[in-house]
Amino acid sequence: MSEQKFPRRTLLKGALLGVAAVPVSALLGKGAAAAGARVDPNEPQAKSLGYVEDASKVDAKANPNFKPGQMCANCLQAPTAKPGMTEVPCNIFAGRPVAAKGWCKVYVKRP
């Protein structure tokens, strides 16, 4: 019978790498789950940008740049939006879906 020995240093390195991989994999899992979640208007970033899920409810006095007809579905920040979609991926929110009828202060009309 051949008995193979592992140096203690190699064993400790492997154990430390294994322990370090657990939090990293947990963080990657959270990021992937959050990436597909629809943007909530109560999130800090959404609030700071004045994001609303229905452009008809935009406060025109608080947002003087808003004009009727502006919505996420025809915004430059949602380049893959197609007619009839209810949600569109937004570049401002790292590709997360927003309401197609929504609006925020970063709106730029798509050419």
N, C-alpha and C. Protein backbone atom coordinates (compact mmCIF):
# COMPACT_ATOMS: atom_id res chain seq x y z
N MET A 1 0.82 -1.17 0.00
CA MET A 1 0.00 0.00 0.00
C MET A 1 0.87 1.25 0.00
N SER A 2 0.55 2.14 -0.90
CA SER A 2 1.30 3.37 -0.99
C SER A 2 0.55 4.46 -0.23
N GLU A 3 1.23 5.09 0.66
CA GLU A 3 0.61 6.15 1.46
C GLU A 3 1.18 7.49 1.00
N GLN A 4 0.32 8.36 0.51
CA GLN A 4 0.77 9.66 0.03
C GLN A 4 0.52 10.68 1.13
N LYS A 5 1.51 11.49 1.41
CA LYS A 5 1.38 12.50 2.47
C LYS A 5 1.24 13.88 1.84
N PHE A 6 0.40 14.71 2.44
CA PHE A 6 0.24 16.09 2.01
C PHE A 6 0.98 16.99 3.00
N PRO A 7 1.80 17.88 2.47
CA PRO A 7 2.45 18.82 3.39
C PRO A 7 1.40 19.68 4.10
N ARG A 8 1.64 19.96 5.34
CA ARG A 8 0.69 20.75 6.14
C ARG A 8 0.42 22.10 5.49
N ARG A 9 1.42 22.72 4.92
CA ARG A 9 1.27 24.03 4.29
C ARG A 9 0.28 23.96 3.12
N THR A 10 0.35 22.93 2.29
CA THR A 10 -0.55 22.74 1.16
C THR A 10 -1.98 22.53 1.64
N LEU A 11 -2.13 21.75 2.70
CA LEU A 11 -3.45 21.50 3.26
C LEU A 11 -4.08 22.79 3.80
N LEU A 12 -3.30 23.60 4.50
CA LEU A 12 -3.81 24.86 5.05
C LEU A 12 -4.18 25.85 3.94
N LYS A 13 -3.37 25.92 2.89
CA LYS A 13 -3.69 26.81 1.76
C LYS A 13 -5.02 26.41 1.12
N GLY A 14 -5.20 25.12 0.91
CA GLY A 14 -6.44 24.63 0.31
C GLY A 14 -7.65 24.94 1.18
N ALA A 15 -7.50 24.77 2.49
CA ALA A 15 -8.60 25.06 3.42
C ALA A 15 -8.94 26.55 3.41
N LEU A 16 -7.91 27.40 3.41
CA LEU A 16 -8.15 28.85 3.39
C LEU A 16 -8.83 29.29 2.10
N LEU A 17 -8.41 28.73 0.97
CA LEU A 17 -9.04 29.07 -0.30
C LEU A 17 -10.51 28.63 -0.32
N GLY A 18 -10.78 27.46 0.25
CA GLY A 18 -12.15 26.97 0.31
C GLY A 18 -13.03 27.85 1.17
N VAL A 19 -12.51 28.28 2.32
CA VAL A 19 -13.27 29.15 3.22
C VAL A 19 -13.49 30.52 2.58
N ALA A 20 -12.49 31.02 1.86
CA ALA A 20 -12.62 32.33 1.21
C ALA A 20 -13.61 32.29 0.05
N ALA A 21 -13.79 31.15 -0.58
CA ALA A 21 -14.69 31.04 -1.73
C ALA A 21 -16.16 31.10 -1.32
N VAL A 22 -16.48 30.75 -0.09
CA VAL A 22 -17.89 30.74 0.34
C VAL A 22 -18.51 32.14 0.30
N PRO A 23 -17.90 33.17 0.92
CA PRO A 23 -18.53 34.50 0.84
C PRO A 23 -18.55 35.06 -0.58
N VAL A 24 -17.54 34.78 -1.36
CA VAL A 24 -17.50 35.27 -2.74
C VAL A 24 -18.64 34.68 -3.54
N SER A 25 -18.89 33.40 -3.40
CA SER A 25 -19.98 32.77 -4.15
C SER A 25 -21.33 33.30 -3.68
N ALA A 26 -21.45 33.62 -2.39
CA ALA A 26 -22.71 34.19 -1.89
C ALA A 26 -22.94 35.58 -2.49
N LEU A 27 -21.89 36.37 -2.59
CA LEU A 27 -22.03 37.71 -3.18
C LEU A 27 -22.39 37.63 -4.66
N LEU A 28 -21.78 36.70 -5.38
CA LEU A 28 -22.10 36.54 -6.79
C LEU A 28 -23.55 36.10 -6.98
N GLY A 29 -24.03 35.26 -6.11
CA GLY A 29 -25.42 34.80 -6.20
C GLY A 29 -26.40 35.93 -5.96
N LYS A 30 -26.11 36.80 -4.99
CA LYS A 30 -26.98 37.95 -4.71
C LYS A 30 -27.00 38.91 -5.89
N GLY A 31 -25.84 39.16 -6.49
CA GLY A 31 -25.76 40.07 -7.62
C GLY A 31 -26.55 39.56 -8.81
N ALA A 32 -26.49 38.27 -9.05
CA ALA A 32 -27.22 37.69 -10.17
C ALA A 32 -28.72 37.75 -9.93
N ALA A 33 -29.14 37.53 -8.68
CA ALA A 33 -30.57 37.58 -8.37
C ALA A 33 -31.09 39.01 -8.48
N ALA A 34 -30.30 39.97 -8.01
CA ALA A 34 -30.73 41.37 -8.05
C ALA A 34 -30.74 41.91 -9.47
N ALA A 35 -29.90 41.34 -10.34
CA ALA A 35 -29.80 41.84 -11.70
C ALA A 35 -31.12 41.69 -12.46
N GLY A 36 -31.89 40.66 -12.15
CA GLY A 36 -33.13 40.44 -12.86
C GLY A 36 -34.35 41.06 -12.20
N ALA A 37 -34.17 41.61 -11.00
CA ALA A 37 -35.30 42.16 -10.27
C ALA A 37 -35.71 43.52 -10.84
N ARG A 38 -37.01 43.73 -10.99
CA ARG A 38 -37.53 44.99 -11.51
C ARG A 38 -37.19 46.13 -10.54
N VAL A 39 -36.89 47.28 -11.09
CA VAL A 39 -36.53 48.45 -10.28
C VAL A 39 -37.74 48.90 -9.47
N ASP A 40 -37.52 49.07 -8.17
CA ASP A 40 -38.56 49.53 -7.26
C ASP A 40 -38.44 51.06 -7.15
N PRO A 41 -39.52 51.80 -7.34
CA PRO A 41 -39.45 53.26 -7.24
C PRO A 41 -39.00 53.77 -5.88
N ASN A 42 -39.02 52.91 -4.85
CA ASN A 42 -38.60 53.32 -3.51
C ASN A 42 -37.12 53.09 -3.24
N GLU A 43 -36.39 52.51 -4.20
CA GLU A 43 -34.95 52.33 -4.05
C GLU A 43 -34.28 53.70 -4.03
N PRO A 44 -33.17 53.85 -3.30
CA PRO A 44 -32.50 55.15 -3.23
C PRO A 44 -32.13 55.74 -4.59
N GLN A 45 -31.56 54.93 -5.49
CA GLN A 45 -31.18 55.44 -6.80
C GLN A 45 -32.41 55.87 -7.60
N ALA A 46 -33.47 55.08 -7.54
CA ALA A 46 -34.70 55.40 -8.27
C ALA A 46 -35.31 56.69 -7.73
N LYS A 47 -35.31 56.84 -6.41
CA LYS A 47 -35.87 58.06 -5.80
C LYS A 47 -35.07 59.28 -6.22
N SER A 48 -33.73 59.16 -6.23
CA SER A 48 -32.90 60.31 -6.57
C SER A 48 -33.09 60.72 -8.03
N LEU A 49 -33.48 59.77 -8.88
CA LEU A 49 -33.71 60.07 -10.29
C LEU A 49 -35.17 60.38 -10.60
N GLY A 50 -36.01 60.40 -9.58
CA GLY A 50 -37.43 60.71 -9.77
C GLY A 50 -38.16 59.65 -10.57
N TYR A 51 -37.72 58.38 -10.51
CA TYR A 51 -38.34 57.32 -11.28
C TYR A 51 -39.75 57.03 -10.79
N VAL A 52 -40.68 56.96 -11.73
CA VAL A 52 -42.06 56.56 -11.46
C VAL A 52 -42.43 55.48 -12.48
N GLU A 53 -43.30 54.57 -12.09
CA GLU A 53 -43.68 53.48 -12.99
C GLU A 53 -44.75 53.88 -14.00
N ASP A 54 -45.37 55.04 -13.79
CA ASP A 54 -46.40 55.51 -14.71
C ASP A 54 -46.12 56.99 -15.01
N ALA A 55 -45.69 57.27 -16.24
CA ALA A 55 -45.30 58.63 -16.62
C ALA A 55 -46.44 59.62 -16.50
N SER A 56 -47.68 59.15 -16.55
CA SER A 56 -48.81 60.07 -16.43
C SER A 56 -48.93 60.64 -15.01
N LYS A 57 -48.20 60.04 -14.06
CA LYS A 57 -48.25 60.51 -12.67
C LYS A 57 -47.04 61.35 -12.29
N VAL A 58 -46.25 61.80 -13.27
CA VAL A 58 -45.08 62.63 -12.99
C VAL A 58 -45.54 64.01 -12.55
N ASP A 59 -44.94 64.52 -11.49
CA ASP A 59 -45.24 65.86 -11.00
C ASP A 59 -44.50 66.86 -11.90
N ALA A 60 -45.21 67.52 -12.78
CA ALA A 60 -44.60 68.44 -13.76
C ALA A 60 -43.92 69.62 -13.09
N LYS A 61 -44.43 70.06 -11.94
CA LYS A 61 -43.81 71.19 -11.23
C LYS A 61 -42.46 70.79 -10.65
N ALA A 62 -42.36 69.58 -10.12
CA ALA A 62 -41.11 69.10 -9.56
C ALA A 62 -40.12 68.66 -10.65
N ASN A 63 -40.64 68.34 -11.82
CA ASN A 63 -39.80 67.88 -12.94
C ASN A 63 -40.10 68.71 -14.18
N PRO A 64 -39.56 69.93 -14.26
CA PRO A 64 -39.89 70.81 -15.38
C PRO A 64 -39.41 70.29 -16.75
N ASN A 65 -38.50 69.32 -16.78
CA ASN A 65 -38.02 68.77 -18.05
C ASN A 65 -39.00 67.75 -18.63
N PHE A 66 -39.96 67.29 -17.84
CA PHE A 66 -40.90 66.28 -18.31
C PHE A 66 -41.86 66.88 -19.34
N LYS A 67 -42.08 66.10 -20.40
CA LYS A 67 -43.07 66.48 -21.41
C LYS A 67 -43.94 65.26 -21.68
N PRO A 68 -45.24 65.46 -21.90
CA PRO A 68 -46.12 64.33 -22.20
C PRO A 68 -45.59 63.51 -23.38
N GLY A 69 -45.72 62.21 -23.28
CA GLY A 69 -45.22 61.32 -24.32
C GLY A 69 -43.87 60.72 -24.00
N GLN A 70 -43.16 61.30 -23.03
CA GLN A 70 -41.89 60.73 -22.63
C GLN A 70 -42.14 59.53 -21.72
N MET A 71 -41.48 58.41 -22.03
CA MET A 71 -41.58 57.22 -21.18
C MET A 71 -40.39 56.31 -21.47
N CYS A 72 -40.16 55.39 -20.59
CA CYS A 72 -39.00 54.50 -20.70
C CYS A 72 -38.98 53.74 -22.03
N ALA A 73 -40.13 53.41 -22.57
CA ALA A 73 -40.20 52.64 -23.81
C ALA A 73 -39.59 53.37 -25.00
N ASN A 74 -39.54 54.72 -24.96
CA ASN A 74 -38.94 55.45 -26.08
C ASN A 74 -37.72 56.26 -25.64
N CYS A 75 -37.06 55.79 -24.58
CA CYS A 75 -35.87 56.46 -24.04
C CYS A 75 -34.60 55.83 -24.61
N LEU A 76 -33.58 56.63 -24.80
CA LEU A 76 -32.29 56.16 -25.30
C LEU A 76 -31.63 55.18 -24.34
N GLN A 77 -31.94 55.28 -23.05
CA GLN A 77 -31.33 54.40 -22.05
C GLN A 77 -31.91 52.98 -22.09
N ALA A 78 -32.98 52.77 -22.84
CA ALA A 78 -33.58 51.45 -23.02
C ALA A 78 -33.50 51.09 -24.51
N PRO A 79 -32.30 50.80 -25.00
CA PRO A 79 -32.11 50.62 -26.45
C PRO A 79 -32.79 49.38 -27.03
N THR A 80 -33.11 48.40 -26.21
CA THR A 80 -33.71 47.17 -26.75
C THR A 80 -35.22 47.15 -26.61
N ALA A 81 -35.82 48.28 -26.26
CA ALA A 81 -37.28 48.34 -26.09
C ALA A 81 -37.98 48.16 -27.43
N LYS A 82 -39.01 47.35 -27.41
CA LYS A 82 -39.82 47.09 -28.60
C LYS A 82 -41.27 47.45 -28.29
N PRO A 83 -42.07 47.82 -29.28
CA PRO A 83 -43.48 48.14 -29.04
C PRO A 83 -44.20 46.94 -28.39
N GLY A 84 -45.04 47.25 -27.42
CA GLY A 84 -45.83 46.21 -26.75
C GLY A 84 -45.18 45.63 -25.51
N MET A 85 -43.92 45.97 -25.24
CA MET A 85 -43.26 45.46 -24.04
C MET A 85 -43.81 46.18 -22.81
N THR A 86 -43.98 45.46 -21.70
CA THR A 86 -44.44 46.08 -20.45
C THR A 86 -43.26 46.46 -19.57
N GLU A 87 -42.12 45.79 -19.77
CA GLU A 87 -40.89 46.10 -19.05
C GLU A 87 -39.76 46.21 -20.06
N VAL A 88 -38.83 47.14 -19.81
CA VAL A 88 -37.69 47.31 -20.69
C VAL A 88 -36.42 47.39 -19.85
N PRO A 89 -35.31 46.82 -20.33
CA PRO A 89 -34.05 46.92 -19.58
C PRO A 89 -33.49 48.34 -19.70
N CYS A 90 -33.03 48.88 -18.58
CA CYS A 90 -32.54 50.26 -18.54
C CYS A 90 -31.04 50.30 -18.23
N ASN A 91 -30.28 51.02 -19.04
CA ASN A 91 -28.84 51.15 -18.82
C ASN A 91 -28.52 51.88 -17.52
N ILE A 92 -29.35 52.81 -17.12
CA ILE A 92 -29.11 53.58 -15.89
C ILE A 92 -29.16 52.68 -14.67
N PHE A 93 -29.99 51.67 -14.69
CA PHE A 93 -30.14 50.74 -13.57
C PHE A 93 -29.44 49.42 -13.86
N ALA A 94 -28.31 49.47 -14.53
CA ALA A 94 -27.47 48.29 -14.82
C ALA A 94 -28.23 47.21 -15.57
N GLY A 95 -29.10 47.61 -16.49
CA GLY A 95 -29.82 46.64 -17.31
C GLY A 95 -31.02 46.00 -16.65
N ARG A 96 -31.34 46.41 -15.42
CA ARG A 96 -32.51 45.87 -14.75
C ARG A 96 -33.78 46.39 -15.41
N PRO A 97 -34.85 45.60 -15.38
CA PRO A 97 -36.09 46.04 -16.04
C PRO A 97 -36.80 47.17 -15.30
N VAL A 98 -37.35 48.08 -16.07
CA VAL A 98 -38.19 49.16 -15.55
C VAL A 98 -39.52 49.10 -16.31
N ALA A 99 -40.53 49.76 -15.78
CA ALA A 99 -41.83 49.79 -16.46
C ALA A 99 -41.71 50.54 -17.77
N ALA A 100 -42.23 49.98 -18.84
CA ALA A 100 -42.16 50.62 -20.16
C ALA A 100 -42.86 51.97 -20.14
N LYS A 101 -43.89 52.12 -19.32
CA LYS A 101 -44.63 53.38 -19.22
C LYS A 101 -44.05 54.30 -18.15
N GLY A 102 -42.89 53.93 -17.59
CA GLY A 102 -42.26 54.71 -16.54
C GLY A 102 -41.52 55.92 -17.08
N TRP A 103 -40.90 56.68 -16.16
CA TRP A 103 -40.13 57.88 -16.53
C TRP A 103 -39.17 58.21 -15.40
N CYS A 104 -38.03 58.81 -15.75
CA CYS A 104 -37.10 59.34 -14.74
C CYS A 104 -36.40 60.57 -15.32
N LYS A 105 -35.65 61.26 -14.48
CA LYS A 105 -35.00 62.51 -14.86
C LYS A 105 -33.90 62.35 -15.90
N VAL A 106 -33.47 61.12 -16.15
CA VAL A 106 -32.38 60.86 -17.09
C VAL A 106 -32.93 60.62 -18.50
N TYR A 107 -34.21 60.76 -18.68
CA TYR A 107 -34.85 60.49 -19.97
C TYR A 107 -34.19 61.29 -21.10
N VAL A 108 -33.89 60.59 -22.20
CA VAL A 108 -33.38 61.19 -23.42
C VAL A 108 -34.13 60.51 -24.57
N LYS A 109 -34.74 61.30 -25.42
CA LYS A 109 -35.52 60.73 -26.53
C LYS A 109 -34.61 59.93 -27.46
N ARG A 110 -35.05 58.75 -27.79
CA ARG A 110 -34.31 57.90 -28.72
C ARG A 110 -34.51 58.43 -30.13
N PRO A 111 -33.42 58.53 -30.92
CA PRO A 111 -33.56 59.05 -32.29
C PRO A 111 -34.30 58.10 -33.20
